[in-house]
Amino acid sequence: MKVVVIPGLTLREVTPEDVERIRVAGGDATVVVTDNEGAHEEIADADVVFGFVNRKMYLGAQNLRWVHAISSGVDAFLYDEFKAGDVVLTSEKGLVGDHLADHAMGLLLMLTRQLATALRYGPDSWNHRPEMRIQEVELTGATMGIYGFGGTGKAIAKRAAGFGMQITALDRDPVAPTAEVPHVRGVDEFDAILAESDVVAIGAPLTPETKDKFDAHAFRQMKDSAFLVNVTRGEIVVEDDLVAALKSGEILGAGLDVVPREPLPPESELWSLPNVVMTPHTAGASQFRAGRNVDRFISNLERLVRDEPLEGVIDKDLGY
């Protein structure tokens, strides 16, 4: 068996110890660690790839059986040939929820506690204390609506409950209830959840079904005192409609780690709106992330050798 490992943004380094673990897990596999340029040659006779496989690589692969992504979102993999082929795709889905949820709550607190405002004003913030205090919001008793109740949504719910919030959530698939969300609602209740929520958190992957879901209609359903938080995929939100809702007061504010255009051009009004806080798609970072994904890959490689079902399998039609 030949295994090709292609490091990237979320897997910057593969140690010699990792390589040895992969070799052993693959039954004395040949393990090649390479960059994207080298991968085009190495993938030709590879059985397994740990990393991103673009269309050109895929078309040049003769023996490929399985690809394990180094990202939780896999929309970049779903070009026509990969979707139609029989190569199995897995990812780290379910492993990234905790740090994404930490980030989501951080963005929310930047808005509700006027932390971003204080940072912008710097020393002059003391001259703005009265106006800042008037705008500060306590989360106790507020309702958080979560769009997408997978690993990220569940982790956000746990943290929101710790702040004394009430949580409601929806998902397109049947999802088991949790202590924080005793009943997970269906997508037919999307508008109802928006209308009920003081904070709307997006925890969904990017799929044809979720793309542009948060448009002018969605923002009209939300309270004019509500905040939007998005740490999963920017294309779920329509940028122009979000800007219009924020400028008109249709919603109160937005905390965004992801945006529809990345990197977001300087001319986007999102940069200048005072009721927006943004980070540059960094919510996915964690000191534990790479290790967790390497462990999953090695566990799955052992499963592959034993001809057992893999963990984190992507439904290529659904996109997650």
Protein backbone atom coordinates (compact mmCIF):
# COMPACT_ATOMS: atom_id res chain seq x y z
CA MET A 1 0.00 0.00 0.00
CA LYS A 2 1.22 3.50 -0.82
CA VAL A 3 0.11 6.40 1.36
CA VAL A 4 0.73 10.01 0.27
CA VAL A 5 0.55 12.71 2.94
CA ILE A 6 0.15 16.33 1.80
CA PRO A 7 0.52 18.81 4.69
CA GLY A 8 -1.33 22.12 4.58
CA LEU A 9 -2.73 24.93 6.69
CA THR A 10 -4.32 22.64 9.29
CA LEU A 11 -1.58 19.99 9.17
CA ARG A 12 1.64 21.96 8.96
CA GLU A 13 4.00 19.20 10.03
CA VAL A 14 4.08 15.43 9.93
CA THR A 15 6.69 14.13 12.35
CA PRO A 16 8.88 11.08 11.81
CA GLU A 17 6.91 9.45 14.62
CA ASP A 18 3.67 10.11 12.72
CA VAL A 19 5.16 8.64 9.56
CA GLU A 20 6.16 5.49 11.43
CA ARG A 21 2.70 5.15 12.97
CA ILE A 22 1.14 5.50 9.50
CA ARG A 23 3.55 2.90 8.07
CA VAL A 24 2.67 0.39 10.76
CA ALA A 25 -1.08 1.09 10.58
CA GLY A 26 -0.99 0.47 6.85
CA GLY A 27 0.69 -2.92 7.25
CA ASP A 28 4.21 -1.80 6.38
CA ALA A 29 2.89 0.81 3.93
CA THR A 30 5.12 3.01 1.83
CA VAL A 31 4.59 6.53 3.19
CA VAL A 32 5.48 9.62 1.16
CA VAL A 33 5.21 13.11 2.62
CA THR A 34 5.20 15.75 -0.10
CA ASP A 35 4.00 19.23 -1.03
CA ASN A 36 1.29 19.98 -3.59
CA GLU A 37 3.74 20.13 -6.47
CA GLY A 38 5.27 16.77 -5.65
CA ALA A 39 1.87 15.26 -4.96
CA HIS A 40 0.90 15.47 -8.63
CA GLU A 41 3.58 12.87 -9.39
CA GLU A 42 3.31 10.78 -6.23
CA ILE A 43 -0.45 10.36 -6.39
CA ALA A 44 -0.30 8.45 -9.68
CA ASP A 45 0.19 5.08 -7.94
CA ALA A 46 -1.11 6.01 -4.46
CA ASP A 47 -3.76 3.95 -2.72
CA VAL A 48 -4.50 6.47 0.02
CA VAL A 49 -4.06 10.24 0.33
CA PHE A 50 -4.09 12.27 3.55
CA GLY A 51 -4.56 15.85 2.37
CA PHE A 52 -6.27 17.85 -0.35
CA VAL A 53 -6.69 16.30 -3.79
CA ASN A 54 -7.53 18.73 -6.56
CA ARG A 55 -9.13 17.78 -9.86
CA LYS A 56 -5.83 17.43 -11.74
CA MET A 57 -4.43 15.14 -9.05
CA TYR A 58 -7.58 13.04 -9.00
CA LEU A 59 -7.59 12.54 -12.75
CA GLY A 60 -3.96 11.39 -12.57
CA ALA A 61 -4.54 8.85 -9.79
CA GLN A 62 -4.74 5.25 -11.02
CA ASN A 63 -5.09 3.25 -7.79
CA LEU A 64 -6.74 5.68 -5.39
CA ARG A 65 -9.20 4.10 -2.95
CA TRP A 66 -9.58 6.60 -0.13
CA VAL A 67 -8.85 10.26 0.65
CA HIS A 68 -8.81 11.69 4.16
CA ALA A 69 -9.17 15.47 4.22
CA ILE A 70 -7.16 17.75 6.50
CA SER A 71 -10.22 20.00 6.78
CA SER A 72 -13.68 19.55 8.25
CA GLY A 73 -15.43 21.29 5.35
CA VAL A 74 -15.03 19.33 2.12
CA ASP A 75 -16.82 21.50 -0.45
CA ALA A 76 -13.51 22.00 -2.33
CA PHE A 77 -13.33 18.24 -2.98
CA LEU A 78 -16.75 17.95 -4.54
CA TYR A 79 -15.94 18.54 -8.19
CA ASP A 80 -17.89 16.38 -10.61
CA GLU A 81 -15.33 13.61 -11.12
CA PHE A 82 -14.75 13.05 -7.41
CA LYS A 83 -18.45 13.11 -6.63
CA ALA A 84 -19.20 10.58 -9.35
CA GLY A 85 -16.26 8.29 -8.54
CA ASP A 86 -16.01 5.47 -6.04
CA VAL A 87 -13.08 6.90 -4.03
CA VAL A 88 -14.14 7.16 -0.37
CA LEU A 89 -13.79 10.59 1.26
CA THR A 90 -13.45 11.05 5.02
CA SER A 91 -12.68 14.11 7.12
CA GLU A 92 -12.21 15.36 10.65
CA LYS A 93 -15.90 16.21 10.98
CA GLY A 94 -16.96 15.95 14.58
CA LEU A 95 -13.45 16.73 15.83
CA VAL A 96 -13.37 20.53 15.37
CA GLY A 97 -16.47 21.63 17.26
CA ASP A 98 -14.83 22.67 20.52
CA HIS A 99 -12.44 25.29 19.19
CA LEU A 100 -14.98 26.61 16.71
CA ALA A 101 -17.43 26.99 19.60
CA ASP A 102 -14.83 28.79 21.73
CA HIS A 103 -14.36 31.24 18.88
CA ALA A 104 -18.08 31.71 18.35
CA MET A 105 -18.59 32.68 21.97
CA GLY A 106 -15.58 34.99 21.78
CA LEU A 107 -17.06 36.84 18.81
CA LEU A 108 -20.40 37.06 20.58
CA LEU A 109 -18.83 38.51 23.73
CA MET A 110 -16.92 41.06 21.66
CA LEU A 111 -20.31 42.36 20.57
CA THR A 112 -22.43 41.96 23.68
CA ARG A 113 -19.84 43.23 26.16
CA GLN A 114 -18.55 46.01 23.88
CA LEU A 115 -15.07 44.50 23.93
CA ALA A 116 -14.46 45.31 20.27
CA THR A 117 -15.59 48.90 20.86
CA ALA A 118 -13.21 49.31 23.78
CA LEU A 119 -10.38 47.92 21.67
CA ARG A 120 -11.14 50.31 18.83
CA TYR A 121 -11.25 53.34 21.12
CA GLY A 122 -8.13 52.42 23.08
CA PRO A 123 -7.29 55.06 25.70
CA ASP A 124 -10.24 57.15 24.50
CA SER A 125 -12.65 54.44 25.64
CA TRP A 126 -12.89 56.13 29.04
CA ASN A 127 -14.62 59.03 27.31
CA HIS A 128 -17.23 56.66 25.89
CA ARG A 129 -18.15 54.73 29.04
CA PRO A 130 -21.80 55.86 29.26
CA GLU A 131 -22.65 54.93 25.66
CA MET A 132 -20.80 51.62 25.92
CA ARG A 133 -22.58 50.66 29.14
CA ILE A 134 -25.96 51.41 27.59
CA GLN A 135 -25.21 49.00 24.74
CA GLU A 136 -23.87 46.12 26.84
CA VAL A 137 -26.01 42.98 26.87
CA GLU A 138 -26.11 40.16 29.44
CA LEU A 139 -26.61 36.70 27.94
CA THR A 140 -28.44 35.18 30.91
CA GLY A 141 -31.90 34.08 29.80
CA ALA A 142 -31.35 34.98 26.16
CA THR A 143 -32.28 32.47 23.46
CA MET A 144 -29.66 31.11 21.10
CA GLY A 145 -30.87 29.50 17.88
CA ILE A 146 -28.35 27.16 16.24
CA TYR A 147 -28.54 26.42 12.52
CA GLY A 148 -26.97 22.99 12.09
CA PHE A 149 -26.66 20.72 15.11
CA GLY A 150 -23.60 18.63 14.37
CA GLY A 151 -20.35 18.69 16.31
CA THR A 152 -19.94 22.46 16.14
CA GLY A 153 -23.56 23.21 16.96
CA LYS A 154 -23.51 20.89 19.96
CA ALA A 155 -20.29 22.43 21.27
CA ILE A 156 -21.72 25.94 20.90
CA ALA A 157 -24.84 24.82 22.79
CA LYS A 158 -22.76 23.58 25.73
CA ARG A 159 -20.95 26.89 26.02
CA ALA A 160 -24.11 28.96 25.59
CA ALA A 161 -25.79 26.96 28.36
CA GLY A 162 -22.86 27.84 30.61
CA PHE A 163 -23.77 31.50 30.10
CA GLY A 164 -27.34 30.79 31.21
CA MET A 165 -28.81 30.92 27.72
CA GLN A 166 -31.79 28.95 26.46
CA ILE A 167 -30.93 27.00 23.30
CA THR A 168 -33.00 25.87 20.36
CA ALA A 169 -31.54 24.17 17.30
CA LEU A 170 -32.43 22.69 13.95
CA ASP A 171 -30.83 20.19 11.61
CA ARG A 172 -31.81 18.66 8.27
CA ASP A 173 -31.16 15.15 9.63
CA PRO A 174 -32.64 13.39 12.65
CA VAL A 175 -30.30 14.28 15.51
CA ALA A 176 -30.39 12.86 19.00
CA PRO A 177 -31.28 15.39 21.69
CA THR A 178 -28.72 16.64 24.19
CA ALA A 179 -28.97 18.01 27.70
CA GLU A 180 -28.92 21.54 26.26
CA VAL A 181 -31.35 20.85 23.40
CA PRO A 182 -33.96 18.25 24.37
CA HIS A 183 -35.69 18.53 20.98
CA VAL A 184 -33.87 19.20 17.71
CA ARG A 185 -36.18 20.86 15.23
CA GLY A 186 -36.44 20.31 11.48
CA VAL A 187 -35.57 22.68 8.66
CA ASP A 188 -39.24 23.56 8.21
CA GLU A 189 -38.93 25.57 11.45
CA PHE A 190 -36.10 27.78 10.15
CA ASP A 191 -38.15 30.98 10.15
CA ALA A 192 -39.63 30.22 13.58
CA ILE A 193 -36.20 29.74 15.15
CA LEU A 194 -34.95 33.00 13.65
CA ALA A 195 -37.94 34.86 15.07
CA GLU A 196 -37.40 33.41 18.56
CA SER A 197 -33.66 33.89 18.88
CA ASP A 198 -31.63 36.67 20.46
CA VAL A 199 -28.50 35.11 18.97
CA VAL A 200 -28.39 33.02 15.81
CA ALA A 201 -25.29 30.84 15.45
CA ILE A 202 -24.45 29.10 12.19
CA GLY A 203 -22.96 25.63 12.68
CA ALA A 204 -23.71 24.10 9.28
CA PRO A 205 -21.41 22.96 6.46
CA LEU A 206 -21.55 24.53 3.01
CA THR A 207 -23.84 22.50 0.75
CA PRO A 208 -26.20 23.40 -2.10
CA GLU A 209 -28.95 23.44 0.53
CA THR A 210 -27.19 25.84 2.92
CA LYS A 211 -25.57 28.18 0.37
CA ASP A 212 -27.09 31.68 0.58
CA LYS A 213 -29.57 30.47 3.23
CA PHE A 214 -29.12 33.65 5.26
CA ASP A 215 -30.49 36.17 2.80
CA ALA A 216 -32.77 39.21 3.01
CA HIS A 217 -35.74 36.99 3.84
CA ALA A 218 -33.90 35.35 6.73
CA PHE A 219 -32.78 38.66 8.22
CA ARG A 220 -36.36 39.96 8.07
CA GLN A 221 -37.38 37.06 10.33
CA MET A 222 -34.79 37.92 12.98
CA LYS A 223 -35.32 40.28 15.89
CA ASP A 224 -33.93 43.78 15.45
CA SER A 225 -32.05 43.13 18.72
CA ALA A 226 -30.50 39.86 17.50
CA PHE A 227 -26.87 39.00 16.79
CA LEU A 228 -25.62 36.67 14.05
CA VAL A 229 -22.51 34.54 14.62
CA ASN A 230 -20.88 32.48 11.87
CA VAL A 231 -17.78 30.28 12.30
CA THR A 232 -18.37 27.57 9.67
CA ARG A 233 -18.76 28.72 6.05
CA GLY A 234 -19.15 32.27 4.78
CA GLU A 235 -21.11 31.38 1.66
CA ILE A 236 -24.07 30.41 3.82
CA VAL A 237 -24.66 34.17 4.17
CA VAL A 238 -25.44 36.63 1.36
CA GLU A 239 -23.00 39.48 1.94
CA ASP A 240 -25.03 42.33 0.45
CA ASP A 241 -28.15 41.26 2.34
CA LEU A 242 -26.21 41.07 5.61
CA VAL A 243 -24.76 44.54 5.07
CA ALA A 244 -28.22 45.92 4.35
CA ALA A 245 -29.68 44.28 7.47
CA LEU A 246 -26.88 45.64 9.67
CA LYS A 247 -27.11 49.16 8.25
CA SER A 248 -30.90 49.35 8.49
CA GLY A 249 -31.08 47.98 12.04
CA GLU A 250 -32.90 44.85 10.93
CA ILE A 251 -30.43 42.96 13.13
CA LEU A 252 -28.23 44.40 15.86
CA GLY A 253 -24.81 42.97 15.02
CA ALA A 254 -22.71 40.19 13.52
CA GLY A 255 -19.64 38.24 14.62
CA LEU A 256 -17.97 36.62 11.63
CA ASP A 257 -14.96 34.37 11.29
CA VAL A 258 -15.97 33.44 7.75
CA VAL A 259 -17.38 35.59 4.96
CA PRO A 260 -18.68 34.91 1.44
CA ARG A 261 -15.51 36.29 -0.18
CA GLU A 262 -12.15 35.29 1.28
CA PRO A 263 -10.00 37.20 1.75
CA LEU A 264 -12.64 39.90 2.12
CA PRO A 265 -11.70 42.91 -0.06
CA PRO A 266 -10.97 46.18 1.77
CA GLU A 267 -13.87 47.88 0.02
CA SER A 268 -16.44 45.60 1.67
CA GLU A 269 -18.65 47.61 4.01
CA LEU A 270 -18.39 44.84 6.59
CA TRP A 271 -14.97 46.25 7.52
CA SER A 272 -16.36 49.65 8.46
CA LEU A 273 -19.66 48.82 10.15
CA PRO A 274 -19.42 49.46 13.91
CA ASN A 275 -21.78 46.57 14.72
CA VAL A 276 -19.56 43.94 13.07
CA VAL A 277 -16.57 42.07 14.49
CA MET A 278 -14.50 39.81 12.27
CA THR A 279 -11.55 37.45 12.40
CA PRO A 280 -9.76 36.12 9.27
CA HIS A 281 -11.05 32.52 9.19
CA THR A 282 -8.98 31.55 12.20
CA ALA A 283 -11.64 29.80 14.30
CA GLY A 284 -10.39 26.44 13.07
CA ALA A 285 -7.06 26.76 14.85
CA SER A 286 -6.23 24.68 17.92
CA GLN A 287 -3.10 23.22 19.41
CA PHE A 288 -4.93 19.86 19.42
CA ARG A 289 -6.39 19.88 15.91
CA ALA A 290 -3.61 18.30 13.87
CA GLY A 291 -3.00 15.55 16.44
CA ARG A 292 -6.66 14.64 16.57
CA ASN A 293 -6.85 14.37 12.81
CA VAL A 294 -3.66 12.32 12.52
CA ASP A 295 -5.09 9.95 15.13
CA ARG A 296 -8.32 9.61 13.16
CA PHE A 297 -6.42 8.99 9.93
CA ILE A 298 -4.30 6.27 11.54
CA SER A 299 -7.35 4.67 13.14
CA ASN A 300 -9.10 4.72 9.77
CA LEU A 301 -6.05 3.27 8.03
CA GLU A 302 -6.16 0.34 10.46
CA ARG A 303 -9.86 -0.02 9.71
CA LEU A 304 -9.15 0.01 5.98
CA VAL A 305 -6.61 -2.80 6.35
CA ARG A 306 -9.17 -4.81 8.34
CA ASP A 307 -11.90 -3.97 5.79
CA GLU A 308 -14.01 -2.24 8.45
CA PRO A 309 -16.19 0.90 8.06
CA LEU A 310 -14.30 4.19 8.30
CA GLU A 311 -15.08 7.07 10.64
CA GLY A 312 -16.01 10.52 9.38
CA VAL A 313 -17.22 9.34 5.96
CA ILE A 314 -18.58 12.10 3.73
CA ASP A 315 -21.81 11.66 1.79
CA LYS A 316 -20.60 13.22 -1.46
CA ASP A 317 -24.13 13.95 -2.62
CA LEU A 318 -25.10 15.76 0.57
CA GLY A 319 -21.71 17.43 0.94
CA TYR A 320 -20.98 16.49 4.56
